[in-house]
Amino acid sequence: MAALATTGCEDKLCSQGDGDFSSQQRCTSSRVNSDGLDHREARQKAAQFLNEAEKNRRQIEKLEKERTLTAQCRKNGWTDVLGELEEYEKVLEEERNAAKVNLQKQLLKIHNGVRKFQRHLIDVKPTPELIERLKEIMSEVEISINTLKEEQRSCFEEFLKEERTCKQEITAYEKKIENWNVALKSNPKLPTAPTVKTKPPDKDLPAEVRALEAFLQKTGGPYGGWDQYDHQAFLKVWTKHSGRPSYRKEAKLYLPGKTVEEIEQHEDWHQELIHLQDRKREAIQRWKASKHQERQTRIQIQEETEEAERRGKEAKSQTQQHRTEDERREAARRLEEWREEKKRKEEQQEEQRLAEEIQNRKKAKEERRRQLEVKLTIEEQLRLKREEEEEQGRRKRDEEQRELEERRREATKGIKRFTERDLHKVEAKLHEKQLREKEEKERQKRITVQLKEKVDGHVSRDPSRLTRPTRGWQERMKHVGPSGGGPVLQMFHRAVPTWRQGL
C-alpha cells in the first residue's frame, strides 16, 4: 500500500505540470529511474539467493556421494549400530520432507494472496471498500511472510546450535583417535590414571572423606581412569536412562572404543563413587552440625561477657550523664545569647535591605521613563521611514503597472498583426484548394465526355444470337466421331425399392 500511495503521489505531482513539457519529462524520468533501481536490486537479490541455493544443493549431493559410513559398518560387522543409524537417518528424512511440504504450503499461501491482490487491482474503480479489502489482503500476506521468516530464523538457529555441538563432538573424537596411538598402561579391573596427582589423606579428616580420597587415588582419579570426554558421555547416557540397564545400548554408540565389560565396570565404579560421596556428604553434615553447636556455645559465653561489660558501661554512663547535663545547660545559655545577637544583626540587615530596595525602585522608575521616551522616538522614526518606503513602493508599483500596460498593448498589437497574417495565409491556401478542386472537376468532366464519345453507338437486337453455338463449341464438335461402338452387353439401372415393385 505504501508503494501504491507513493506512485499515486508521483502521478499527481506530474499531472499538475501538464503545460510544462520539461516538468513532465523530469517526473517520468525520475519515476522510471526509481522503478528501474528497485527492480534491479530485487533481481540482484534473487540471483544471489538462487546462486547460494544451487551451491548448497551441489554440496549436499557431494556429501551424500562421499558418505561411506554404511559400507564401513557392514564391513566391520556393526549391524546393531547400522540399524540404529538407518532408523535415525529415516527419521531425519521424514522430518526434512515434512518441513519441505510445510514450506511449500506456506509459499503457496503467500503466492495465492499476491495473486488475489493482483486480481483485485485489474479493471476496478478505487472505492473505500476496495481499499479496505486490499489492506486486509496485504496485511494477511505480510503476516504470512513474517511468520515464515520467523520460523525459518528459529530453524536456522537450531541448526547452527546442532552444527556447533557436532563440531565439538567431532573435535573431541579426533583428539581421542589421535591419543589412541599413545600406549596406555591400565588394569581393566582396577583402572589407574597416572596423570592424577592426589595429596596423601590427612589424619584429621573424617574416615568417610579419607575413604573417598583413597578410593579415587586407587581407581584412577575423578574419572575412574577414563578420558574426561568418555566419562562425560557415560554420565550423559546414564543420567538420561536413570541408571537402568537399557542405557548400555546407547552408551555403546557414544563409546565405540569401550567394550560392554568395561562399561559395566565403570558403572560399578560410578555407583561406588556415588555411595562414598553420599557418606562424605553425611559426614560433612555431621561436622557442620557439631561446628554449629560449638559456635552457639561460644556465642552464649560471648553474650554473658558482653552483658557484664554493658553493666559496667551503664555505671560509667550515669556519671558521664550528670557531667554532660551541666555542659548542656551552659551550652543552652550560650546558644540563647548567640540567637539574640543574630536577631539584632538580621533586623539591621532588613532595614538596610529596605532602604536599598526603595532606592532601586526609584532608579528603575527613572530608567523605565527614559526607555519609554527612547521607544517613542524610535517608533516615530520607524513610522516616518515606513511611510517613505510605502511611498517609494507605490511609485514603483505605478511605474511597473505602466510598463505592464505598455507591454500588454504592444503584445495585443503583435497578436493582432500575427492573426491577420495567419488569416491571409489561410485564405490564400483555401483559394488555392478551391482552384485545385475546380480544375479536378473540369478534368473529370473532360474524361467523362471522351469516354462517352468512344462508347456511344447503335447496336441492333438479334434474338437468335442466344441459341447460336459459340465459336468454341463449334471447334469442339469438329473432332467428335460417330456415337455407339457395338452391342450393349449389360445396362445398369438404379435399384427399385420393394414397395414400388409391380406399380
Protein backbone atom coordinates (compact mmCIF):
# COMPACT_ATOMS: atom_id res chain seq x y z
CA MET A 1 0.00 0.00 0.00
CA ALA A 2 2.92 2.33 0.68
CA ALA A 3 4.23 1.72 -2.83
CA LEU A 4 0.80 2.41 -4.33
CA ALA A 5 0.48 5.62 -2.33
CA THR A 6 3.94 6.76 -3.43
CA THR A 7 3.13 6.06 -7.06
CA GLY A 8 -0.17 7.93 -6.77
CA CYS A 9 1.59 10.97 -5.27
CA GLU A 10 4.13 10.99 -8.08
CA ASP A 11 1.36 10.80 -10.71
CA LYS A 12 -0.44 13.68 -9.02
CA LEU A 13 2.68 15.86 -8.96
CA CYS A 14 3.42 15.07 -12.59
CA SER A 15 -0.16 15.80 -13.70
CA GLN A 16 -0.06 19.27 -12.11
CA GLY A 17 2.56 20.37 -14.62
CA ASP A 18 0.79 19.32 -17.83
CA GLY A 19 1.54 22.64 -19.50
CA ASP A 20 5.28 22.31 -18.94
CA PHE A 21 6.88 19.55 -21.07
CA SER A 22 10.18 19.67 -19.18
CA SER A 23 8.45 19.07 -15.82
CA GLN A 24 6.59 16.08 -17.31
CA GLN A 25 9.84 14.69 -18.64
CA ARG A 26 11.55 15.10 -15.26
CA CYS A 27 8.70 13.35 -13.42
CA THR A 28 8.61 10.49 -15.90
CA SER A 29 12.38 10.02 -15.85
CA SER A 30 12.54 10.08 -12.02
CA ARG A 31 9.72 7.51 -11.77
CA VAL A 32 11.34 5.25 -14.35
CA ASN A 33 14.73 5.55 -12.65
CA SER A 34 13.34 4.69 -9.20
CA ASP A 35 11.33 1.76 -10.54
CA GLY A 36 14.36 0.56 -12.51
CA LEU A 37 16.65 0.72 -9.46
CA ASP A 38 14.17 -1.17 -7.26
CA HIS A 39 13.67 -3.79 -9.94
CA ARG A 40 17.43 -4.13 -10.46
CA GLU A 41 18.07 -4.55 -6.71
CA ALA A 42 15.31 -7.16 -6.45
CA ARG A 43 16.75 -9.07 -9.39
CA GLN A 44 20.25 -8.96 -7.88
CA LYS A 45 18.98 -10.29 -4.53
CA ALA A 46 17.01 -13.04 -6.26
CA ALA A 47 20.04 -14.05 -8.35
CA GLN A 48 22.26 -14.13 -5.25
CA PHE A 49 19.72 -16.28 -3.37
CA LEU A 50 19.44 -18.71 -6.30
CA ASN A 51 23.23 -18.98 -6.55
CA GLU A 52 23.53 -19.80 -2.85
CA ALA A 53 20.72 -22.38 -3.10
CA GLU A 54 22.40 -24.03 -6.09
CA LYS A 55 25.74 -24.07 -4.26
CA ASN A 56 24.17 -25.71 -1.17
CA ARG A 57 22.39 -28.28 -3.36
CA ARG A 58 25.66 -29.26 -5.06
CA GLN A 59 27.39 -29.51 -1.68
CA ILE A 60 24.62 -31.78 -0.34
CA GLU A 61 24.88 -34.03 -3.38
CA LYS A 62 28.64 -34.20 -2.98
CA LEU A 63 28.37 -35.11 0.73
CA GLU A 64 25.76 -37.79 0.00
CA LYS A 65 28.08 -39.32 -2.61
CA GLU A 66 31.01 -39.28 -0.20
CA ARG A 67 29.00 -40.88 2.62
CA THR A 68 30.60 -44.31 3.17
CA LEU A 69 29.57 -44.91 6.79
CA THR A 70 27.00 -47.63 5.89
CA ALA A 71 29.50 -49.65 3.89
CA GLN A 72 32.12 -49.29 6.64
CA CYS A 73 29.64 -50.51 9.27
CA ARG A 74 28.73 -53.57 7.15
CA LYS A 75 32.41 -54.29 6.57
CA ASN A 76 33.24 -54.21 10.30
CA GLY A 77 30.13 -56.18 11.26
CA TRP A 78 28.46 -53.42 13.31
CA THR A 79 24.92 -54.49 12.46
CA ASP A 80 23.30 -53.01 15.59
CA VAL A 81 24.96 -49.64 15.01
CA LEU A 82 23.99 -49.79 11.32
CA GLY A 83 20.31 -50.43 12.13
CA GLU A 84 20.13 -47.54 14.56
CA LEU A 85 21.88 -45.22 12.12
CA GLU A 86 19.47 -46.21 9.34
CA GLU A 87 16.49 -45.62 11.63
CA TYR A 88 17.86 -42.23 12.66
CA GLU A 89 18.51 -41.35 9.02
CA LYS A 90 14.96 -42.37 8.11
CA VAL A 91 13.56 -40.16 10.90
CA LEU A 92 15.66 -37.22 9.67
CA GLU A 93 14.47 -37.82 6.09
CA GLU A 94 10.82 -37.80 7.22
CA GLU A 95 11.35 -34.60 9.21
CA ARG A 96 13.04 -32.96 6.21
CA ASN A 97 10.19 -33.99 3.89
CA ALA A 98 7.59 -32.71 6.37
CA ALA A 99 9.45 -29.39 6.66
CA LYS A 100 9.62 -29.16 2.85
CA VAL A 101 5.87 -29.81 2.49
CA ASN A 102 5.09 -27.23 5.19
CA LEU A 103 7.33 -24.67 3.49
CA GLN A 104 5.67 -25.31 0.11
CA LYS A 105 2.22 -24.84 1.68
CA GLN A 106 3.25 -21.51 3.22
CA LEU A 107 4.78 -20.32 -0.06
CA LEU A 108 1.62 -21.37 -1.93
CA LYS A 109 -0.50 -19.43 0.57
CA ILE A 110 1.64 -16.30 0.06
CA HIS A 111 1.50 -16.78 -3.73
CA ASN A 112 -2.30 -17.10 -3.66
CA GLY A 113 -2.56 -13.95 -1.54
CA VAL A 114 -0.43 -11.97 -4.01
CA ARG A 115 -2.43 -13.30 -6.99
CA LYS A 116 -5.67 -12.37 -5.23
CA PHE A 117 -4.32 -8.86 -4.63
CA GLN A 118 -3.39 -8.58 -8.32
CA ARG A 119 -6.85 -9.72 -9.43
CA HIS A 120 -8.46 -7.02 -7.28
CA LEU A 121 -6.31 -4.37 -8.99
CA ILE A 122 -7.38 -5.24 -12.58
CA ASP A 123 -10.09 -3.01 -14.14
CA VAL A 124 -11.64 -1.75 -10.89
CA LYS A 125 -12.66 1.64 -9.58
CA PRO A 126 -10.92 2.90 -6.42
CA THR A 127 -13.61 2.81 -3.70
CA PRO A 128 -13.20 2.85 0.09
CA GLU A 129 -14.46 -0.76 0.31
CA LEU A 130 -11.87 -1.87 -2.25
CA ILE A 131 -9.09 -0.03 -0.39
CA GLU A 132 -10.06 -1.73 2.88
CA ARG A 133 -10.19 -5.10 1.16
CA LEU A 134 -6.73 -4.54 -0.35
CA LYS A 135 -5.39 -3.52 3.07
CA GLU A 136 -6.75 -6.74 4.60
CA ILE A 137 -5.20 -8.87 1.84
CA MET A 138 -1.84 -7.12 2.14
CA SER A 139 -1.87 -7.49 5.95
CA GLU A 140 -2.60 -11.22 5.61
CA VAL A 141 0.25 -11.63 3.11
CA GLU A 142 2.59 -9.63 5.34
CA ILE A 143 1.68 -11.73 8.39
CA SER A 144 2.29 -14.93 6.40
CA ILE A 145 5.68 -13.68 5.21
CA ASN A 146 6.74 -12.59 8.72
CA THR A 147 5.61 -15.93 10.18
CA LEU A 148 7.59 -17.82 7.55
CA LYS A 149 10.67 -15.68 8.19
CA GLU A 150 10.43 -16.20 11.98
CA GLU A 151 10.04 -19.96 11.60
CA GLN A 152 12.98 -20.15 9.21
CA ARG A 153 15.12 -17.98 11.52
CA SER A 154 14.40 -20.19 14.55
CA CYS A 155 15.03 -23.31 12.45
CA PHE A 156 18.36 -21.93 11.23
CA GLU A 157 19.38 -21.03 14.81
CA GLU A 158 18.65 -24.60 15.94
CA PHE A 159 20.64 -25.95 13.00
CA LEU A 160 23.57 -23.69 13.91
CA LYS A 161 23.49 -24.88 17.53
CA GLU A 162 23.43 -28.51 16.39
CA GLU A 163 26.28 -27.79 13.97
CA ARG A 164 28.42 -26.28 16.75
CA THR A 165 27.67 -29.26 19.02
CA CYS A 166 28.57 -31.69 16.23
CA LYS A 167 31.81 -29.81 15.54
CA GLN A 168 32.78 -30.01 19.22
CA GLU A 169 31.99 -33.73 19.36
CA ILE A 170 33.94 -34.38 16.14
CA THR A 171 36.93 -32.44 17.51
CA ALA A 172 36.80 -34.45 20.73
CA TYR A 173 36.62 -37.71 18.80
CA GLU A 174 39.54 -36.65 16.59
CA LYS A 175 41.65 -35.89 19.66
CA LYS A 176 40.65 -39.20 21.16
CA ILE A 177 41.60 -41.06 17.97
CA GLU A 178 44.95 -39.26 17.95
CA ASN A 179 45.53 -40.31 21.56
CA TRP A 180 44.87 -43.96 20.67
CA ASN A 181 48.38 -44.13 19.20
CA VAL A 182 49.83 -43.49 22.67
CA ALA A 183 50.35 -46.70 24.64
CA LEU A 184 48.35 -46.64 27.90
CA LYS A 185 49.19 -48.89 30.85
CA SER A 186 45.94 -49.73 32.54
CA ASN A 187 44.40 -52.56 34.54
CA PRO A 188 40.90 -53.43 33.24
CA LYS A 189 39.73 -54.38 36.71
CA LEU A 190 41.29 -51.53 38.66
CA PRO A 191 42.00 -48.71 36.19
CA THR A 192 44.51 -46.10 37.25
CA ALA A 193 45.28 -42.62 35.97
CA PRO A 194 48.99 -41.77 36.28
CA THR A 195 48.33 -38.16 35.44
CA VAL A 196 46.13 -37.63 38.52
CA LYS A 197 48.04 -36.31 41.49
CA THR A 198 46.32 -36.55 44.86
CA LYS A 199 47.55 -35.43 48.23
CA PRO A 200 48.07 -38.00 50.96
CA PRO A 201 44.99 -38.28 53.19
CA ASP A 202 45.08 -36.08 56.25
CA LYS A 203 44.69 -37.87 59.56
CA ASP A 204 42.47 -35.07 60.93
CA LEU A 205 39.81 -35.62 58.23
CA PRO A 206 36.76 -37.84 58.84
CA ALA A 207 37.01 -41.51 57.88
CA GLU A 208 34.44 -41.05 55.10
CA VAL A 209 36.47 -38.28 53.44
CA ARG A 210 39.69 -40.29 53.69
CA ALA A 211 37.88 -43.34 52.23
CA LEU A 212 36.66 -41.31 49.21
CA GLU A 213 40.11 -39.85 48.56
CA ALA A 214 41.74 -43.27 48.90
CA PHE A 215 39.17 -44.75 46.50
CA LEU A 216 39.81 -42.03 43.89
CA GLN A 217 43.59 -42.41 44.26
CA LYS A 218 43.33 -46.18 43.94
CA THR A 219 40.88 -46.30 40.99
CA GLY A 220 42.36 -43.60 38.78
CA GLY A 221 41.05 -40.21 39.84
CA PRO A 222 37.63 -38.49 39.43
CA TYR A 223 37.03 -40.18 36.03
CA GLY A 224 37.85 -43.74 37.04
CA GLY A 225 40.86 -43.98 34.72
CA TRP A 226 38.77 -42.96 31.69
CA ASP A 227 39.16 -39.94 29.48
CA GLN A 228 37.16 -36.91 30.61
CA TYR A 229 35.08 -36.83 27.41
CA ASP A 230 34.26 -40.56 27.67
CA HIS A 231 33.25 -40.15 31.30
CA GLN A 232 31.03 -37.15 30.42
CA ALA A 233 29.37 -39.17 27.60
CA PHE A 234 28.81 -42.08 30.03
CA LEU A 235 27.25 -39.75 32.63
CA LYS A 236 25.02 -38.17 29.97
CA VAL A 237 23.55 -41.51 28.85
CA TRP A 238 23.42 -42.95 32.41
CA THR A 239 21.53 -39.89 33.67
CA LYS A 240 19.19 -39.95 30.67
CA HIS A 241 18.12 -43.56 31.46
CA SER A 242 18.20 -43.01 35.28
CA GLY A 243 20.73 -45.85 35.71
CA ARG A 244 18.51 -48.52 34.07
CA PRO A 245 20.31 -51.31 32.15
CA SER A 246 18.78 -50.05 28.89
CA TYR A 247 21.40 -47.28 28.84
CA ARG A 248 24.18 -49.66 27.76
CA LYS A 249 22.92 -49.98 24.19
CA GLU A 250 23.00 -46.22 23.67
CA ALA A 251 26.25 -45.84 25.62
CA LYS A 252 27.91 -48.21 23.14
CA LEU A 253 27.12 -45.66 20.37
CA TYR A 254 28.76 -42.83 22.31
CA LEU A 255 31.72 -45.00 23.42
CA PRO A 256 32.73 -47.12 20.38
CA GLY A 257 36.20 -47.73 21.86
CA LYS A 258 34.86 -49.35 25.07
CA THR A 259 33.58 -52.87 25.48
CA VAL A 260 30.42 -53.82 27.36
CA GLU A 261 32.51 -55.25 30.24
CA GLU A 262 34.44 -52.00 30.59
CA ILE A 263 31.18 -50.02 30.61
CA GLU A 264 29.74 -52.33 33.34
CA GLN A 265 32.96 -51.99 35.38
CA HIS A 266 32.79 -48.22 35.02
CA GLU A 267 29.13 -48.36 36.11
CA ASP A 268 30.10 -50.30 39.27
CA TRP A 269 32.89 -47.79 39.91
CA HIS A 270 30.47 -44.89 39.45
CA GLN A 271 27.90 -46.39 41.84
CA GLU A 272 30.64 -46.97 44.46
CA LEU A 273 31.76 -43.36 43.93
CA ILE A 274 28.19 -42.12 44.46
CA HIS A 275 27.92 -44.21 47.65
CA LEU A 276 31.20 -42.83 49.03
CA GLN A 277 30.19 -39.29 48.06
CA ASP A 278 26.89 -39.70 49.94
CA ARG A 279 28.79 -40.92 53.00
CA LYS A 280 31.17 -37.98 52.70
CA ARG A 281 28.21 -35.62 52.41
CA GLU A 282 26.61 -37.08 55.54
CA ALA A 283 29.93 -36.79 57.42
CA ILE A 284 30.23 -33.17 56.32
CA GLN A 285 26.67 -32.52 57.54
CA ARG A 286 27.53 -34.03 60.93
CA TRP A 287 30.72 -31.97 61.06
CA LYS A 288 28.75 -28.83 60.24
CA ALA A 289 26.22 -29.64 63.00
CA SER A 290 28.99 -30.06 65.59
CA LYS A 291 30.60 -26.82 64.42
CA HIS A 292 27.24 -25.08 64.71
CA GLN A 293 26.83 -26.36 68.29
CA GLU A 294 30.30 -25.12 69.20
CA ARG A 295 29.55 -21.77 67.64
CA GLN A 296 26.28 -21.47 69.62
CA THR A 297 28.14 -22.23 72.88
CA ARG A 298 30.82 -19.67 72.03
CA ILE A 299 28.16 -17.08 71.20
CA GLN A 300 26.41 -17.69 74.53
CA ILE A 301 29.65 -17.20 76.51
CA GLN A 302 30.35 -14.06 74.48
CA GLU A 303 26.85 -12.70 75.25
CA GLU A 304 27.39 -13.21 79.00
CA THR A 305 30.72 -11.37 78.84
CA GLU A 306 29.10 -8.54 76.87
CA GLU A 307 26.31 -8.31 79.48
CA ALA A 308 28.87 -7.79 82.28
CA GLU A 309 30.68 -5.18 80.23
CA ARG A 310 27.36 -3.47 79.50
CA ARG A 311 26.57 -3.12 83.21
CA GLY A 312 29.96 -1.51 83.83
CA LYS A 313 29.39 0.84 80.93
CA GLU A 314 25.97 1.84 82.31
CA ALA A 315 27.52 2.86 85.62
CA LYS A 316 30.11 4.91 83.81
CA SER A 317 27.42 6.43 81.59
CA GLN A 318 25.41 7.60 84.62
CA THR A 319 28.41 9.61 85.85
CA GLN A 320 29.04 10.90 82.39
CA GLN A 321 25.36 11.85 82.07
CA HIS A 322 25.48 14.15 85.11
CA ARG A 323 28.58 15.81 83.74
CA THR A 324 27.02 16.31 80.32
CA GLU A 325 23.84 17.76 81.84
CA ASP A 326 25.82 20.66 83.29
CA GLU A 327 27.60 21.14 79.98
CA ARG A 328 24.28 21.13 78.13
CA ARG A 329 22.81 23.89 80.34
CA GLU A 330 25.92 26.03 79.77
CA ALA A 331 25.65 25.43 76.00
CA ALA A 332 21.95 26.37 76.05
CA ARG A 333 22.82 29.71 77.77
CA ARG A 334 25.50 30.48 75.19
CA LEU A 335 23.09 29.49 72.38
CA GLU A 336 20.44 31.89 73.64
CA GLU A 337 22.92 34.75 73.70
CA TRP A 338 24.02 33.88 70.16
CA ARG A 339 20.40 33.86 68.95
CA GLU A 340 19.74 37.32 70.38
CA GLU A 341 22.88 38.69 68.73
CA LYS A 342 21.86 37.06 65.42
CA LYS A 343 18.37 38.56 65.66
CA ARG A 344 19.78 42.09 66.10
CA LYS A 345 22.04 41.63 63.08
CA GLU A 346 19.09 40.37 60.98
CA GLU A 347 16.98 43.42 61.93
CA GLN A 348 19.81 45.75 60.87
CA GLN A 349 20.24 43.88 57.61
CA GLU A 350 16.47 44.06 56.95
CA GLU A 351 16.45 47.86 57.44
CA GLN A 352 19.42 48.22 55.11
CA ARG A 353 17.72 45.96 52.53
CA LEU A 354 14.50 48.04 52.62
CA ALA A 355 16.46 51.26 52.05
CA GLU A 356 18.30 49.70 49.11
CA GLU A 357 15.04 48.38 47.68
CA ILE A 358 13.43 51.86 47.81
CA GLN A 359 16.49 53.32 46.07
CA ASN A 360 16.40 50.60 43.42
CA ARG A 361 12.70 51.23 42.76
CA LYS A 362 13.38 54.93 42.17
CA LYS A 363 16.21 54.09 39.76
CA ALA A 364 14.05 51.54 37.92
CA LYS A 365 11.20 54.04 37.56
CA GLU A 366 13.56 56.64 36.13
CA GLU A 367 15.05 54.03 33.77
CA ARG A 368 11.57 52.98 32.53
CA ARG A 369 10.66 56.64 31.86
CA ARG A 370 13.86 57.13 29.85
CA GLN A 371 13.29 53.90 27.91
CA LEU A 372 9.72 54.97 27.14
CA GLU A 373 10.96 58.24 25.66
CA VAL A 374 13.55 56.42 23.57
CA LYS A 375 10.89 53.96 22.43
CA LEU A 376 8.52 56.75 21.35
CA THR A 377 11.36 58.44 19.43
CA ILE A 378 12.28 55.20 17.67
CA GLU A 379 8.64 54.47 16.83
CA GLU A 380 8.27 57.93 15.30
CA GLN A 381 11.38 57.40 13.20
CA LEU A 382 10.19 53.97 12.12
CA ARG A 383 6.78 55.40 11.18
CA LEU A 384 8.37 58.12 9.04
CA LYS A 385 10.67 55.56 7.41
CA ARG A 386 7.74 53.18 6.79
CA GLU A 387 5.70 55.97 5.17
CA GLU A 388 8.64 56.85 2.96
CA GLU A 389 9.12 53.21 1.95
CA GLU A 390 5.40 52.86 1.23
CA GLU A 391 5.51 55.97 -0.97
CA GLN A 392 8.52 54.59 -2.86
CA GLY A 393 6.82 51.21 -3.20
CA ARG A 394 3.63 52.86 -4.51
CA ARG A 395 5.60 54.85 -7.09
CA LYS A 396 7.47 51.70 -8.08
CA ARG A 397 4.22 49.74 -8.43
CA ASP A 398 2.68 52.54 -10.53
CA GLU A 399 5.72 52.51 -12.79
CA GLU A 400 5.62 48.71 -13.09
CA GLN A 401 1.89 48.90 -13.84
CA ARG A 402 2.51 51.45 -16.63
CA GLU A 403 5.28 49.27 -18.08
CA LEU A 404 3.00 46.25 -17.87
CA GLU A 405 0.19 48.12 -19.65
CA GLU A 406 2.61 49.25 -22.35
CA ARG A 407 3.87 45.68 -22.88
CA ARG A 408 0.29 44.41 -22.93
CA ARG A 409 -0.66 46.97 -25.64
CA GLU A 410 2.39 46.02 -27.70
CA ALA A 411 1.59 42.33 -27.23
CA THR A 412 -2.02 42.95 -28.32
CA LYS A 413 -0.81 44.75 -31.46
CA GLY A 414 1.63 41.90 -32.21
CA ILE A 415 -1.07 39.30 -31.70
CA LYS A 416 -3.44 41.22 -33.97
CA ARG A 417 -0.76 41.53 -36.63
CA PHE A 418 0.10 37.82 -36.43
CA THR A 419 -3.60 36.92 -36.51
CA GLU A 420 -4.17 38.98 -39.68
CA ARG A 421 -1.12 37.38 -41.28
CA ASP A 422 -2.40 33.91 -40.41
CA LEU A 423 -5.86 34.79 -41.80
CA HIS A 424 -4.31 35.93 -45.08
CA LYS A 425 -2.33 32.71 -45.31
CA VAL A 426 -5.41 30.61 -44.55
CA GLU A 427 -7.46 32.49 -47.17
CA ALA A 428 -4.69 32.02 -49.73
CA LYS A 429 -4.49 28.27 -49.01
CA LEU A 430 -8.28 27.96 -49.16
CA HIS A 431 -8.34 29.79 -52.51
CA GLU A 432 -5.64 27.51 -53.89
CA LYS A 433 -7.54 24.45 -52.65
CA GLN A 434 -10.73 25.66 -54.32
CA LEU A 435 -8.84 26.23 -57.58
CA ARG A 436 -7.39 22.73 -57.44
CA GLU A 437 -10.80 21.20 -56.75
CA LYS A 438 -12.30 23.19 -59.64
CA GLU A 439 -9.53 22.04 -62.02
CA GLU A 440 -10.02 18.42 -60.84
CA LYS A 441 -13.78 18.62 -61.52
CA GLU A 442 -13.17 20.03 -65.01
CA ARG A 443 -10.63 17.28 -65.75
CA GLN A 444 -13.08 14.59 -64.63
CA LYS A 445 -15.76 16.14 -66.78
CA ARG A 446 -13.49 16.09 -69.84
CA ILE A 447 -12.61 12.45 -69.22
CA THR A 448 -16.31 11.55 -68.92
CA VAL A 449 -17.12 13.33 -72.20
CA GLN A 450 -14.28 11.50 -74.00
CA LEU A 451 -15.46 8.12 -72.71
CA LYS A 452 -19.00 8.80 -73.82
CA GLU A 453 -17.77 9.71 -77.30
CA LYS A 454 -15.87 6.41 -77.53
CA VAL A 455 -18.65 4.17 -76.18
CA ASP A 456 -21.65 5.87 -77.75
CA GLY A 457 -23.02 3.84 -80.84
CA HIS A 458 -26.11 1.99 -82.25
CA VAL A 459 -26.38 -1.78 -81.52
CA SER A 460 -29.06 -3.86 -83.34
CA ARG A 461 -31.05 -6.56 -81.47
CA ASP A 462 -30.58 -10.20 -82.66
CA PRO A 463 -32.65 -12.75 -80.64
CA SER A 464 -31.17 -15.76 -82.50
CA ARG A 465 -27.77 -14.93 -81.06
CA LEU A 466 -28.79 -16.57 -77.77
CA THR A 467 -29.29 -20.08 -79.27
CA ARG A 468 -26.43 -19.86 -81.75
CA PRO A 469 -23.44 -22.14 -80.93
CA THR A 470 -20.36 -20.33 -79.85
CA ARG A 471 -17.09 -20.48 -81.71
CA GLY A 472 -15.53 -22.68 -79.05
CA TRP A 473 -18.38 -25.18 -79.24
CA GLN A 474 -18.06 -25.32 -82.99
CA GLU A 475 -14.33 -26.06 -82.75
CA ARG A 476 -15.02 -28.82 -80.23
CA MET A 477 -17.69 -30.51 -82.37
CA LYS A 478 -15.28 -30.80 -85.29
CA HIS A 479 -13.30 -33.59 -83.54
CA VAL A 480 -16.27 -35.68 -82.18
CA GLY A 481 -16.74 -39.09 -84.03
CA PRO A 482 -19.88 -41.17 -84.54
CA SER A 483 -21.60 -42.36 -81.31
CA GLY A 484 -22.12 -46.09 -80.50
CA GLY A 485 -19.46 -48.82 -80.67
CA GLY A 486 -21.27 -52.24 -80.78
CA PRO A 487 -23.90 -54.22 -78.98
CA VAL A 488 -24.63 -53.39 -75.37
CA LEU A 489 -23.89 -56.40 -73.19
CA GLN A 490 -25.25 -55.05 -69.87
CA MET A 491 -27.09 -51.95 -68.85
CA PHE A 492 -27.11 -50.83 -65.30
CA HIS A 493 -30.17 -49.31 -63.73
CA ARG A 494 -30.94 -47.91 -60.34
CA ALA A 495 -32.45 -50.34 -57.88
CA VAL A 496 -36.22 -50.22 -57.42
CA PRO A 497 -37.50 -50.28 -53.81
CA THR A 498 -39.64 -53.25 -52.79
CA TRP A 499 -42.67 -51.13 -52.10
CA ARG A 500 -42.59 -49.79 -55.70
CA GLN A 501 -42.12 -53.11 -57.45
CA GLY A 502 -45.19 -54.03 -59.53
CA LEU A 503 -46.59 -50.48 -59.70
